[in-house]
Amino acid sequence: MYSSEDLKKIKEQQMGWQSKNQIAPKIVYTPLDADGFDYDEKLGQPGQFPYTRGVYNDMYRGQLWTMRQFSGFGTARDTNNRYKFLLKKGQTGLSVAFDLPTIMGYDSDHERSRGEVGRCGVAISSLRDMETLFSGIPLDRVSTSMTINAPAAILLSFYIGVGEKQRVALDKLRGTIQNDILKEYSAQKSWIFPPKPSMRIITDIMTFCADHVPKWNTISISGYHIREAGSTALQELAFTLADGLAYVEAGIAAEIDVDTFAPRLSFFFNAHLDFFEEIAKYRAARRIWARKMKEKYKAKNPRSWLMRFHTQTAGCTLTAQQPENNIIRTAYEALGAVLGGTQSLHTNSMDETMALPTEHAVKVALRTQQIIAYESGVTNTIDPLGGSYYLEALTDKLESDAEDYFKKIDDLGGVIPALEQGFFQREIANSAYQYQKEIETKDRIVVGVNEFTEAQETPIELLEIDPQVERKQTGGLKKLKRERDNLKVKRSLESIRQAARGKDNLMPHFLSAVRCYTTLGEIIQVLREEFGEYREPPTFW
């Protein structure tokens, strides 16, 4: 303990230390920054409220994080081969990247899909494609994450359909659908329907999975794309949690008991390069979520208070120049995620700023996680940085500033009204502009880009998508549409239409449709006709 005289002396010494940048942290932190620090209120033990130090009492001493590599390209067969390669190399969970037509709810043979089939992810148009994607991969032995939003309910139905084909009970299926439509309106922009019907679909998924697929995480509330769009760490923290709380309120408004669905909400954060700020961000997020769920939303089940999250290293920090440097960036970002207590981790490959990763690049990225896990020693002690004057002050600062953002959002009427008024969009755009300006003026150094550059660089091998992928995929889809029972398909689509017009839970209708090989595009088209399509209102700066 420090006496009052000790603290006075430290304060006098600290007055001479000034930061060159007003928005930067102090140059040094002292006991003054922890004055009045309450261990139980701010930290507590790992696995205990408010979970600042981690959601489990033994953290990585009991079980390492799930190692995932976000993968998908070409046809379902191409990606199936990549999954088997990664599992053989020691990956412990699957993470599906879908191509743009799938993300936007179009079949591979739609005119809008031309030139994009299998390019930035795997093409999935039907249950048949999903069967191929997981051929030879028992779904009761893996956890699968699917990065899909507007059509998430249909892709989940495909996955359940594969489980049924493999005779895996629904209560054995484990995984996550991103299903975070609110961040689409502010950041990633791959929406289909307006907010109201989109939120209805999400609460239908919550209800269905609580009753039938209890180990499935129904939403992965994503700050990752908010950060990739240009936000600061604080904005990522505040906007992600605001979206999460909006989903909680939507579930409660749909008369679902909070303790029924909240334990299956998960989060997805970005691991950026400011090492300590990122660690503080994760710790602040856990503490805020726990307190909101317990005190504001009156959740009784401690599992509803837990913020479990997946992390992906920052794609926006990767550079096309000197791409081997990306291995180093990714390693530090991954280490920050681990020290911050992530439950699942994806490490980007060195070549991902230019193309989908090669097998060599993705193996190096996976090995990065394995070296951290098995060689670095950082998993031996839970929250080893806890109690640091700097880290605790930074955690408190992020929490306090996030609360200021929550108030601004509430004053605008909540998340959806704030989106409609362009609040999130303006905040993110302004931060992205400032970040780019700092690079151009060299106030922010990016190695190999604006400093330490090289006149000539040795190119690295890149993955190229076979031009025949689109022909193979569309040919197979047309064959499926000819051979299936199209009378059943027609009936299933009419059933979905009637359910959309009424109040029935949509999930059973989606499942009936996919079982008879109704396609993603056919289902989404019916919903487009019933729900309409979202058009972003113009926003002026």
Protein backbone atom coordinates (compact mmCIF):
# COMPACT_ATOMS: atom_id res chain seq x y z
CA MET A 1 0.00 0.00 0.00
CA TYR A 2 1.10 3.56 -0.66
CA SER A 3 0.80 6.27 1.98
CA SER A 4 -0.62 9.70 1.18
CA GLU A 5 2.91 11.09 1.28
CA ASP A 6 4.06 8.47 -1.23
CA LEU A 7 1.24 9.37 -3.60
CA LYS A 8 1.95 13.09 -3.23
CA LYS A 9 5.60 12.53 -4.17
CA ILE A 10 4.62 10.44 -7.21
CA LYS A 11 2.18 13.13 -8.34
CA GLU A 12 4.88 15.80 -8.16
CA GLN A 13 7.23 13.65 -10.22
CA GLN A 14 4.53 12.83 -12.77
CA MET A 15 3.79 16.49 -13.50
CA GLY A 16 6.93 16.65 -15.62
CA TRP A 17 5.83 13.80 -17.88
CA GLN A 18 3.86 15.03 -20.87
CA SER A 19 2.56 13.10 -23.84
CA LYS A 20 3.36 14.38 -27.33
CA ASN A 21 -0.13 13.46 -28.47
CA GLN A 22 -3.14 14.68 -26.49
CA ILE A 23 -5.20 11.63 -27.40
CA ALA A 24 -2.39 9.17 -26.59
CA PRO A 25 -2.01 7.41 -23.24
CA LYS A 26 0.11 8.98 -20.55
CA ILE A 27 3.82 8.31 -20.84
CA VAL A 28 3.83 6.51 -17.49
CA TYR A 29 1.19 5.15 -15.11
CA THR A 30 1.51 5.09 -11.34
CA PRO A 31 -0.50 4.19 -8.22
CA LEU A 32 -2.29 7.52 -8.71
CA ASP A 33 -4.07 5.95 -11.66
CA ALA A 34 -5.30 3.17 -9.37
CA ASP A 35 -6.32 5.41 -6.48
CA GLY A 36 -9.43 3.96 -4.88
CA PHE A 37 -9.22 0.81 -7.02
CA ASP A 38 -11.67 -1.83 -5.74
CA TYR A 39 -10.48 -5.32 -6.67
CA ASP A 40 -13.83 -7.05 -6.26
CA GLU A 41 -15.75 -4.38 -8.16
CA LYS A 42 -13.31 -3.93 -11.03
CA LEU A 43 -11.69 -7.35 -11.35
CA GLY A 44 -12.79 -10.21 -9.15
CA GLN A 45 -11.58 -13.71 -9.82
CA PRO A 46 -11.60 -15.37 -13.26
CA GLY A 47 -14.95 -16.97 -13.90
CA GLN A 48 -16.69 -14.69 -11.42
CA PHE A 49 -18.73 -11.50 -11.85
CA PRO A 50 -17.90 -9.05 -13.44
CA TYR A 51 -15.66 -11.41 -15.50
CA THR A 52 -13.02 -8.77 -16.28
CA ARG A 53 -10.36 -11.47 -15.90
CA GLY A 54 -12.12 -14.08 -18.03
CA VAL A 55 -15.38 -15.99 -18.28
CA TYR A 56 -14.04 -19.32 -16.97
CA ASN A 57 -12.26 -19.94 -13.68
CA ASP A 58 -9.45 -21.95 -15.25
CA MET A 59 -9.39 -20.30 -18.71
CA TYR A 60 -6.64 -21.81 -20.92
CA ARG A 61 -5.32 -23.97 -18.07
CA GLY A 62 -8.47 -26.00 -18.58
CA GLN A 63 -8.96 -25.72 -22.35
CA LEU A 64 -7.31 -23.73 -25.10
CA TRP A 65 -9.30 -21.44 -27.34
CA THR A 66 -10.86 -22.95 -30.48
CA MET A 67 -8.48 -22.49 -33.40
CA ARG A 68 -10.41 -21.59 -36.54
CA GLN A 69 -9.29 -20.45 -39.97
CA PHE A 70 -11.95 -18.56 -41.94
CA SER A 71 -12.09 -20.61 -45.14
CA GLY A 72 -14.16 -20.93 -48.26
CA PHE A 73 -13.58 -20.66 -51.99
CA GLY A 74 -14.79 -22.13 -55.25
CA THR A 75 -17.22 -24.99 -55.06
CA ALA A 76 -18.32 -26.87 -51.98
CA ARG A 77 -15.95 -29.69 -52.99
CA ASP A 78 -12.98 -27.28 -53.17
CA THR A 79 -13.70 -25.96 -49.68
CA ASN A 80 -14.36 -29.43 -48.28
CA ASN A 81 -10.82 -30.37 -49.32
CA ARG A 82 -9.43 -27.24 -47.60
CA TYR A 83 -11.32 -28.09 -44.39
CA LYS A 84 -9.86 -31.57 -44.32
CA PHE A 85 -6.39 -30.10 -44.90
CA LEU A 86 -6.81 -27.69 -41.97
CA LEU A 87 -8.24 -30.32 -39.63
CA LYS A 88 -5.29 -32.55 -40.45
CA LYS A 89 -2.92 -29.68 -39.56
CA GLY A 90 -4.50 -29.27 -36.13
CA GLN A 91 -7.36 -26.80 -36.58
CA THR A 92 -10.02 -27.42 -33.92
CA GLY A 93 -13.08 -25.67 -35.41
CA LEU A 94 -14.45 -24.79 -38.84
CA SER A 95 -15.33 -21.31 -40.06
CA VAL A 96 -17.22 -20.91 -43.33
CA ALA A 97 -16.63 -17.99 -45.71
CA PHE A 98 -19.42 -17.66 -48.28
CA ASP A 99 -19.19 -16.01 -51.69
CA LEU A 100 -20.93 -12.71 -52.40
CA PRO A 101 -24.00 -14.17 -54.17
CA THR A 102 -24.68 -16.42 -51.16
CA ILE A 103 -24.20 -13.50 -48.76
CA MET A 104 -26.72 -11.47 -50.75
CA GLY A 105 -29.23 -14.31 -51.05
CA TYR A 106 -28.80 -15.15 -54.75
CA ASP A 107 -28.37 -18.59 -56.27
CA SER A 108 -25.22 -19.21 -58.29
CA ASP A 109 -27.22 -19.24 -61.53
CA HIS A 110 -28.81 -15.82 -60.96
CA GLU A 111 -27.79 -13.11 -63.40
CA ARG A 112 -26.47 -10.96 -60.56
CA SER A 113 -24.10 -13.77 -59.54
CA ARG A 114 -22.13 -13.75 -62.77
CA GLY A 115 -18.42 -13.34 -62.24
CA GLU A 116 -18.68 -13.68 -58.44
CA VAL A 117 -19.44 -17.39 -57.96
CA GLY A 118 -16.89 -18.91 -55.58
CA ARG A 119 -14.63 -15.85 -55.80
CA CYS A 120 -14.53 -14.51 -52.25
CA GLY A 121 -15.90 -17.58 -50.50
CA VAL A 122 -17.68 -20.84 -51.16
CA ALA A 123 -20.83 -20.96 -53.31
CA ILE A 124 -23.77 -22.50 -51.41
CA SER A 125 -27.17 -22.48 -53.09
CA SER A 126 -28.87 -25.57 -51.71
CA LEU A 127 -28.83 -28.38 -49.18
CA ARG A 128 -26.97 -30.42 -51.81
CA ASP A 129 -24.08 -27.93 -51.71
CA MET A 130 -24.02 -28.03 -47.91
CA GLU A 131 -23.97 -31.83 -47.96
CA THR A 132 -20.88 -31.67 -50.18
CA LEU A 133 -19.27 -28.98 -48.02
CA PHE A 134 -19.34 -31.26 -44.96
CA SER A 135 -18.88 -34.60 -46.69
CA GLY A 136 -16.75 -36.84 -44.49
CA ILE A 137 -16.84 -34.35 -41.60
CA PRO A 138 -19.08 -35.62 -38.75
CA LEU A 139 -21.07 -32.66 -37.44
CA ASP A 140 -21.24 -34.12 -33.93
CA ARG A 141 -17.44 -33.82 -33.68
CA VAL A 142 -16.81 -30.27 -34.87
CA SER A 143 -17.95 -26.78 -34.02
CA THR A 144 -18.82 -24.73 -37.10
CA SER A 145 -19.01 -20.95 -37.41
CA MET A 146 -20.79 -19.48 -40.43
CA THR A 147 -20.22 -15.84 -41.36
CA ILE A 148 -23.60 -15.10 -42.87
CA ASN A 149 -26.14 -12.44 -41.94
CA ALA A 150 -29.26 -11.58 -43.94
CA PRO A 151 -29.79 -15.21 -45.17
CA ALA A 152 -28.48 -16.75 -41.91
CA ALA A 153 -31.70 -18.63 -41.14
CA ILE A 154 -31.53 -20.44 -44.49
CA LEU A 155 -27.88 -21.43 -44.10
CA LEU A 156 -28.60 -22.68 -40.58
CA SER A 157 -31.46 -24.73 -42.05
CA PHE A 158 -29.04 -26.22 -44.60
CA TYR A 159 -26.67 -27.14 -41.78
CA ILE A 160 -29.46 -28.74 -39.75
CA GLY A 161 -30.45 -30.63 -42.90
CA VAL A 162 -26.92 -32.04 -43.21
CA GLY A 163 -27.05 -33.05 -39.55
CA GLU A 164 -30.28 -34.91 -40.23
CA LYS A 165 -28.69 -36.68 -43.21
CA GLN A 166 -25.79 -37.72 -40.93
CA ARG A 167 -28.29 -38.79 -38.23
CA VAL A 168 -26.88 -36.29 -35.75
CA ALA A 169 -29.40 -35.21 -33.14
CA LEU A 170 -30.15 -31.49 -33.15
CA ASP A 171 -28.98 -31.14 -29.55
CA LYS A 172 -25.53 -32.36 -30.64
CA LEU A 173 -24.98 -29.63 -33.25
CA ARG A 174 -22.49 -27.00 -32.07
CA GLY A 175 -21.59 -23.76 -33.75
CA THR A 176 -22.49 -20.17 -34.53
CA ILE A 177 -24.19 -18.15 -37.22
CA GLN A 178 -23.15 -14.51 -37.34
CA ASN A 179 -26.73 -13.37 -37.96
CA ASP A 180 -25.87 -9.79 -36.91
CA ILE A 181 -27.94 -7.62 -39.21
CA LEU A 182 -27.60 -4.38 -37.23
CA LYS A 183 -23.89 -4.07 -37.96
CA GLU A 184 -24.65 -4.63 -41.65
CA TYR A 185 -26.60 -1.37 -41.74
CA SER A 186 -23.69 0.56 -40.18
CA ALA A 187 -20.59 -1.17 -41.52
CA GLN A 188 -20.53 -4.15 -43.87
CA LYS A 189 -23.62 -3.19 -45.91
CA SER A 190 -24.69 -6.69 -47.00
CA TRP A 191 -28.30 -6.38 -45.90
CA ILE A 192 -31.38 -7.63 -47.75
CA PHE A 193 -34.51 -6.80 -45.73
CA PRO A 194 -35.47 -3.71 -43.68
CA PRO A 195 -34.72 -3.74 -39.93
CA LYS A 196 -38.16 -4.78 -38.64
CA PRO A 197 -38.56 -8.08 -40.58
CA SER A 198 -34.84 -8.74 -40.13
CA MET A 199 -35.26 -8.56 -36.36
CA ARG A 200 -38.30 -10.82 -36.60
CA ILE A 201 -36.23 -13.49 -38.36
CA ILE A 202 -33.56 -13.21 -35.67
CA THR A 203 -36.00 -13.66 -32.80
CA ASP A 204 -37.55 -16.63 -34.64
CA ILE A 205 -34.07 -18.19 -34.78
CA MET A 206 -33.57 -17.49 -31.06
CA THR A 207 -36.84 -19.21 -30.16
CA PHE A 208 -36.30 -22.19 -32.46
CA CYS A 209 -32.74 -22.88 -31.32
CA ALA A 210 -33.59 -22.50 -27.64
CA ASP A 211 -36.18 -25.26 -28.12
CA HIS A 212 -34.39 -27.53 -30.60
CA VAL A 213 -30.68 -26.68 -31.09
CA PRO A 214 -29.61 -25.71 -27.57
CA LYS A 215 -25.83 -25.73 -28.21
CA TRP A 216 -26.05 -23.34 -31.15
CA ASN A 217 -24.99 -19.69 -30.76
CA THR A 218 -27.78 -17.83 -32.50
CA ILE A 219 -26.00 -14.49 -33.02
CA SER A 220 -22.34 -13.57 -33.18
CA ILE A 221 -22.59 -9.86 -32.46
CA SER A 222 -19.82 -8.49 -34.59
CA GLY A 223 -17.53 -5.59 -33.90
CA TYR A 224 -15.07 -6.99 -36.41
CA HIS A 225 -16.68 -5.42 -39.45
CA ILE A 226 -17.28 -2.14 -37.61
CA ARG A 227 -13.52 -1.95 -37.01
CA GLU A 228 -12.71 -2.99 -40.57
CA ALA A 229 -14.92 -0.14 -41.81
CA GLY A 230 -12.64 2.31 -39.99
CA SER A 231 -13.88 2.68 -36.43
CA THR A 232 -11.69 3.20 -33.39
CA ALA A 233 -11.36 0.56 -30.67
CA LEU A 234 -13.77 2.55 -28.53
CA GLN A 235 -16.36 2.76 -31.29
CA GLU A 236 -16.00 -0.95 -31.97
CA LEU A 237 -16.59 -1.65 -28.27
CA ALA A 238 -19.52 0.73 -27.84
CA PHE A 239 -21.34 0.04 -31.12
CA THR A 240 -20.97 -3.73 -30.80
CA LEU A 241 -22.36 -3.79 -27.28
CA ALA A 242 -25.15 -1.38 -28.25
CA ASP A 243 -26.15 -3.80 -31.03
CA GLY A 244 -26.00 -6.71 -28.58
CA LEU A 245 -28.25 -4.96 -26.11
CA ALA A 246 -30.68 -4.14 -28.94
CA TYR A 247 -30.93 -7.88 -29.67
CA VAL A 248 -31.61 -8.55 -26.00
CA GLU A 249 -34.39 -5.98 -26.02
CA ALA A 250 -35.82 -7.49 -29.22
CA GLY A 251 -35.87 -10.93 -27.63
CA ILE A 252 -37.60 -9.62 -24.52
CA ALA A 253 -40.12 -7.71 -26.69
CA ALA A 254 -40.85 -10.99 -28.49
CA GLU A 255 -41.74 -12.41 -25.06
CA ILE A 256 -38.75 -14.75 -24.87
CA ASP A 257 -37.34 -15.14 -21.38
CA VAL A 258 -33.94 -13.46 -21.30
CA ASP A 259 -32.30 -16.47 -19.67
CA THR A 260 -33.61 -18.65 -22.48
CA PHE A 261 -31.71 -16.92 -25.28
CA ALA A 262 -28.98 -14.77 -23.69
CA PRO A 263 -26.61 -17.65 -22.85
CA ARG A 264 -26.38 -18.39 -26.59
CA LEU A 265 -25.43 -14.90 -27.68
CA SER A 266 -21.75 -14.62 -28.58
CA PHE A 267 -19.51 -11.84 -29.81
CA PHE A 268 -16.90 -11.33 -32.54
CA PHE A 269 -14.14 -8.78 -32.09
CA ASN A 270 -11.29 -7.42 -34.15
CA ALA A 271 -7.70 -7.84 -32.92
CA HIS A 272 -5.95 -4.66 -34.06
CA LEU A 273 -2.35 -3.56 -33.57
CA ASP A 274 -2.52 -1.28 -30.51
CA PHE A 275 -1.59 -4.13 -28.19
CA PHE A 276 -2.69 -2.89 -24.77
CA GLU A 277 -5.73 -1.00 -26.06
CA GLU A 278 -7.03 -4.21 -27.61
CA ILE A 279 -6.55 -6.22 -24.41
CA ALA A 280 -8.30 -3.49 -22.41
CA LYS A 281 -11.14 -3.47 -24.96
CA TYR A 282 -11.90 -7.16 -24.40
CA ARG A 283 -11.77 -6.80 -20.62
CA ALA A 284 -14.03 -3.73 -20.64
CA ALA A 285 -16.49 -5.53 -22.95
CA ARG A 286 -16.88 -8.44 -20.53
CA ARG A 287 -17.42 -6.14 -17.58
CA ILE A 288 -19.97 -3.92 -19.33
CA TRP A 289 -21.94 -6.89 -20.67
CA ALA A 290 -22.06 -8.65 -17.30
CA ARG A 291 -23.33 -5.57 -15.50
CA LYS A 292 -25.92 -4.69 -18.13
CA MET A 293 -27.30 -8.21 -18.26
CA LYS A 294 -27.47 -8.60 -14.49
CA GLU A 295 -28.55 -5.12 -13.44
CA LYS A 296 -30.49 -3.65 -16.38
CA TYR A 297 -32.07 -6.73 -17.95
CA LYS A 298 -32.38 -8.71 -14.69
CA ALA A 299 -30.98 -11.95 -16.09
CA LYS A 300 -30.84 -14.51 -13.28
CA ASN A 301 -28.72 -17.20 -14.94
CA PRO A 302 -24.99 -16.39 -14.57
CA ARG A 303 -24.46 -17.85 -18.06
CA SER A 304 -26.49 -14.90 -19.38
CA TRP A 305 -23.90 -12.55 -17.91
CA LEU A 306 -20.97 -14.16 -19.72
CA MET A 307 -19.52 -12.50 -22.81
CA ARG A 308 -17.97 -15.30 -24.87
CA PHE A 309 -16.27 -14.10 -28.01
CA HIS A 310 -14.40 -15.08 -31.15
CA THR A 311 -11.56 -12.90 -32.39
CA GLN A 312 -10.06 -12.41 -35.83
CA THR A 313 -6.85 -10.54 -36.47
CA ALA A 314 -7.34 -7.27 -38.34
CA GLY A 315 -7.63 -7.61 -42.09
CA CYS A 316 -7.38 -3.83 -42.42
CA THR A 317 -3.83 -3.88 -40.99
CA LEU A 318 -2.56 -6.25 -43.69
CA THR A 319 -0.51 -4.70 -46.47
CA ALA A 320 0.12 -5.70 -50.06
CA GLN A 321 3.60 -4.22 -49.71
CA GLN A 322 6.12 -6.61 -48.09
CA PRO A 323 3.38 -9.16 -47.32
CA GLU A 324 5.67 -11.27 -45.10
CA ASN A 325 5.38 -8.44 -42.56
CA ASN A 326 1.76 -9.49 -42.16
CA ILE A 327 2.90 -12.66 -40.39
CA ILE A 328 4.43 -10.48 -37.65
CA ARG A 329 1.41 -8.18 -37.43
CA THR A 330 -0.90 -11.17 -37.13
CA ALA A 331 1.22 -12.76 -34.40
CA TYR A 332 1.06 -9.67 -32.17
CA GLU A 333 -2.65 -9.23 -32.79
CA ALA A 334 -3.30 -12.88 -31.95
CA LEU A 335 -1.22 -12.62 -28.78
CA GLY A 336 -3.29 -9.61 -27.71
CA ALA A 337 -6.51 -11.59 -28.28
CA VAL A 338 -5.21 -14.46 -26.15
CA LEU A 339 -4.08 -12.14 -23.35
CA GLY A 340 -7.52 -10.56 -23.60
CA GLY A 341 -9.21 -13.93 -23.00
CA THR A 342 -10.77 -14.92 -26.33
CA GLN A 343 -12.67 -18.22 -26.64
CA SER A 344 -11.97 -18.68 -30.34
CA LEU A 345 -9.41 -17.23 -32.75
CA HIS A 346 -8.77 -16.83 -36.47
CA THR A 347 -5.36 -15.66 -37.62
CA ASN A 348 -5.23 -13.96 -41.03
CA SER A 349 -2.86 -15.23 -43.67
CA MET A 350 -0.08 -13.06 -45.08
CA ASP A 351 -1.66 -12.95 -48.56
CA GLU A 352 -5.27 -12.11 -47.65
CA THR A 353 -5.04 -8.46 -48.63
CA MET A 354 -4.56 -9.65 -52.25
CA ALA A 355 -6.42 -12.96 -52.54
CA LEU A 356 -7.93 -15.85 -50.65
CA PRO A 357 -5.09 -17.66 -48.84
CA THR A 358 -2.96 -20.42 -50.30
CA GLU A 359 -2.46 -23.64 -48.33
CA HIS A 360 1.06 -22.49 -47.42
CA ALA A 361 -0.11 -19.12 -46.10
CA VAL A 362 -3.01 -20.53 -44.13
CA LYS A 363 -0.75 -23.17 -42.55
CA VAL A 364 1.65 -20.44 -41.37
CA ALA A 365 -1.31 -18.55 -39.88
CA LEU A 366 -2.51 -21.66 -38.04
CA ARG A 367 1.01 -22.40 -36.80
CA THR A 368 1.08 -18.85 -35.36
CA GLN A 369 -1.78 -19.79 -33.03
CA GLN A 370 -0.18 -23.09 -32.13
CA ILE A 371 3.15 -21.45 -31.22
CA ILE A 372 1.35 -18.97 -28.95
CA ALA A 373 -0.60 -21.81 -27.36
CA TYR A 374 2.18 -24.34 -26.84
CA GLU A 375 5.46 -22.41 -26.78
CA SER A 376 4.98 -18.86 -25.52
CA GLY A 377 3.95 -19.65 -21.93
CA VAL A 378 1.19 -17.02 -21.91
CA THR A 379 -1.49 -19.66 -21.30
CA ASN A 380 0.03 -20.71 -17.98
CA THR A 381 -1.43 -17.81 -15.97
CA ILE A 382 -4.90 -16.30 -16.25
CA ASP A 383 -4.97 -12.58 -17.06
CA PRO A 384 -1.24 -12.09 -16.39
CA LEU A 385 -1.51 -8.34 -17.06
CA GLY A 386 -4.31 -7.82 -14.53
CA GLY A 387 -3.41 -5.17 -11.97
CA SER A 388 -1.18 -3.21 -14.33
CA TYR A 389 -1.66 0.49 -13.61
CA TYR A 390 -1.82 1.18 -17.34
CA LEU A 391 -4.09 -1.68 -18.32
CA GLU A 392 -6.58 -1.13 -15.52
CA ALA A 393 -6.74 2.62 -16.19
CA LEU A 394 -7.21 1.97 -19.91
CA THR A 395 -9.93 -0.61 -19.22
CA ASP A 396 -11.75 1.90 -16.99
CA LYS A 397 -11.39 4.64 -19.61
CA LEU A 398 -12.84 2.49 -22.40
CA GLU A 399 -15.73 1.45 -20.17
CA SER A 400 -16.50 5.04 -19.20
CA ASP A 401 -16.28 6.34 -22.77
CA ALA A 402 -18.46 3.48 -24.03
CA GLU A 403 -21.14 4.53 -21.51
CA ASP A 404 -21.02 8.03 -23.03
CA TYR A 405 -21.71 6.50 -26.44
CA PHE A 406 -24.61 4.45 -25.03
CA LYS A 407 -26.18 7.68 -23.76
CA LYS A 408 -25.83 9.35 -27.18
CA ILE A 409 -27.49 6.33 -28.83
CA ASP A 410 -30.32 6.32 -26.27
CA ASP A 411 -30.85 10.04 -26.82
CA LEU A 412 -31.35 9.32 -30.54
CA GLY A 413 -34.04 6.77 -29.72
CA GLY A 414 -31.98 3.56 -29.75
CA VAL A 415 -29.88 1.63 -32.23
CA ILE A 416 -32.28 1.46 -35.17
CA PRO A 417 -33.28 5.18 -35.05
CA ALA A 418 -29.57 6.05 -34.70
CA LEU A 419 -28.83 3.96 -37.80
CA GLU A 420 -31.64 5.64 -39.71
CA GLN A 421 -30.20 9.04 -38.76
CA GLY A 422 -26.74 8.01 -39.94
CA PHE A 423 -25.10 8.37 -36.52
CA PHE A 424 -23.03 5.18 -36.62
CA GLN A 425 -22.11 5.72 -40.26
CA ARG A 426 -20.83 9.25 -39.64
CA GLU A 427 -18.82 8.27 -36.59
CA ILE A 428 -17.13 5.39 -38.41
CA ALA A 429 -16.48 7.41 -41.57
CA ASN A 430 -14.89 10.26 -39.62
CA SER A 431 -12.59 7.85 -37.80
CA ALA A 432 -11.61 6.12 -41.05
CA TYR A 433 -10.79 9.51 -42.59
CA GLN A 434 -8.63 10.48 -39.62
CA TYR A 435 -6.76 7.16 -39.71
CA GLN A 436 -5.98 7.50 -43.42
CA LYS A 437 -4.94 11.12 -42.97
CA GLU A 438 -2.44 10.07 -40.28
CA ILE A 439 -0.90 7.55 -42.67
CA GLU A 440 -0.61 10.08 -45.46
CA THR A 441 1.03 12.69 -43.18
CA LYS A 442 3.23 10.00 -41.56
CA ASP A 443 1.81 10.72 -38.13
CA ARG A 444 1.10 7.00 -38.21
CA ILE A 445 3.89 4.78 -39.58
CA VAL A 446 2.96 1.62 -41.48
CA VAL A 447 6.09 -0.39 -42.15
CA GLY A 448 6.61 -0.97 -45.84
CA VAL A 449 3.86 1.46 -46.87
CA ASN A 450 4.90 4.98 -45.84
CA GLU A 451 8.26 4.15 -44.27
CA PHE A 452 10.94 1.47 -44.71
CA THR A 453 9.73 0.93 -48.26
CA GLU A 454 11.47 -1.07 -50.98
CA ALA A 455 11.76 -0.13 -54.64
CA GLN A 456 11.36 -3.71 -55.81
CA GLU A 457 9.56 -6.51 -54.04
CA THR A 458 9.54 -10.24 -54.64
CA PRO A 459 5.97 -11.36 -55.42
CA ILE A 460 4.49 -14.22 -53.42
CA GLU A 461 2.34 -17.07 -54.71
CA LEU A 462 -1.39 -16.29 -54.75
CA LEU A 463 -4.44 -18.53 -54.92
CA GLU A 464 -6.31 -18.30 -58.23
CA ILE A 465 -9.90 -19.44 -58.63
CA ASP A 466 -10.42 -21.75 -61.59
CA PRO A 467 -12.62 -20.00 -64.20
CA GLN A 468 -14.51 -23.28 -64.55
CA VAL A 469 -15.85 -23.00 -60.97
CA GLU A 470 -18.87 -20.95 -62.01
CA ARG A 471 -19.71 -23.30 -64.89
CA LYS A 472 -19.49 -26.37 -62.62
CA GLN A 473 -21.55 -24.75 -59.88
CA THR A 474 -24.34 -23.46 -62.12
CA GLY A 475 -24.46 -26.71 -64.05
CA GLY A 476 -24.93 -28.71 -60.85
CA LEU A 477 -27.61 -26.34 -59.63
CA LYS A 478 -29.60 -26.56 -62.84
CA LYS A 479 -29.41 -30.35 -62.67
CA LEU A 480 -30.70 -30.28 -59.08
CA LYS A 481 -33.65 -28.09 -60.07
CA ARG A 482 -34.60 -30.49 -62.85
CA GLU A 483 -34.41 -33.65 -60.74
CA ARG A 484 -36.03 -32.58 -57.45
CA ASP A 485 -39.79 -32.75 -56.71
CA ASN A 486 -40.77 -29.30 -57.94
CA LEU A 487 -44.35 -29.66 -56.74
CA LYS A 488 -43.04 -29.98 -53.17
CA VAL A 489 -40.80 -26.99 -53.77
CA LYS A 490 -43.75 -24.90 -54.92
CA ARG A 491 -45.77 -25.90 -51.86
CA SER A 492 -42.87 -25.15 -49.52
CA LEU A 493 -42.47 -21.66 -50.95
CA GLU A 494 -46.16 -20.92 -50.55
CA SER A 495 -45.93 -22.10 -46.93
CA ILE A 496 -43.08 -19.64 -46.33
CA ARG A 497 -45.08 -16.85 -47.96
CA GLN A 498 -48.07 -17.43 -45.69
CA ALA A 499 -45.85 -17.65 -42.61
CA ALA A 500 -44.14 -14.38 -43.55
CA ARG A 501 -47.53 -12.69 -43.82
CA GLY A 502 -48.57 -14.04 -40.43
CA LYS A 503 -46.84 -14.60 -37.10
CA ASP A 504 -45.66 -18.21 -37.37
CA ASN A 505 -42.06 -18.95 -36.50
CA LEU A 506 -40.37 -19.07 -39.90
CA MET A 507 -37.71 -21.66 -39.05
CA PRO A 508 -39.88 -24.81 -39.38
CA HIS A 509 -41.07 -23.55 -42.79
CA PHE A 510 -37.47 -22.95 -43.92
CA LEU A 511 -36.51 -26.45 -42.82
CA SER A 512 -39.37 -28.06 -44.70
CA ALA A 513 -38.31 -26.16 -47.80
CA VAL A 514 -34.63 -27.05 -47.70
CA ARG A 515 -35.38 -30.73 -47.13
CA CYS A 516 -36.97 -30.86 -50.59
CA TYR A 517 -33.99 -28.94 -52.03
CA THR A 518 -35.64 -25.57 -52.39
CA THR A 519 -32.74 -23.20 -53.01
CA LEU A 520 -31.47 -20.23 -51.07
CA GLY A 521 -32.38 -17.81 -53.85
CA GLU A 522 -35.91 -19.16 -54.18
CA ILE A 523 -36.61 -18.76 -50.45
CA ILE A 524 -35.05 -15.31 -50.24
CA GLN A 525 -37.00 -14.13 -53.28
CA VAL A 526 -40.30 -14.95 -51.54
CA LEU A 527 -39.12 -13.04 -48.47
CA ARG A 528 -38.05 -10.10 -50.65
CA GLU A 529 -41.54 -9.96 -52.10
CA GLU A 530 -43.17 -10.08 -48.66
CA PHE A 531 -40.74 -8.00 -46.58
CA GLY A 532 -39.31 -5.64 -49.19
CA GLU A 533 -35.68 -4.65 -49.60
CA TYR A 534 -33.79 -2.14 -47.48
CA ARG A 535 -32.57 1.07 -49.04
CA GLU A 536 -30.06 3.06 -47.02
CA PRO A 537 -31.18 6.68 -46.46
CA PRO A 538 -28.68 9.29 -47.69
CA THR A 539 -26.37 10.60 -45.00
CA PHE A 540 -24.66 13.97 -45.19
CA TRP A 541 -21.51 14.94 -43.34
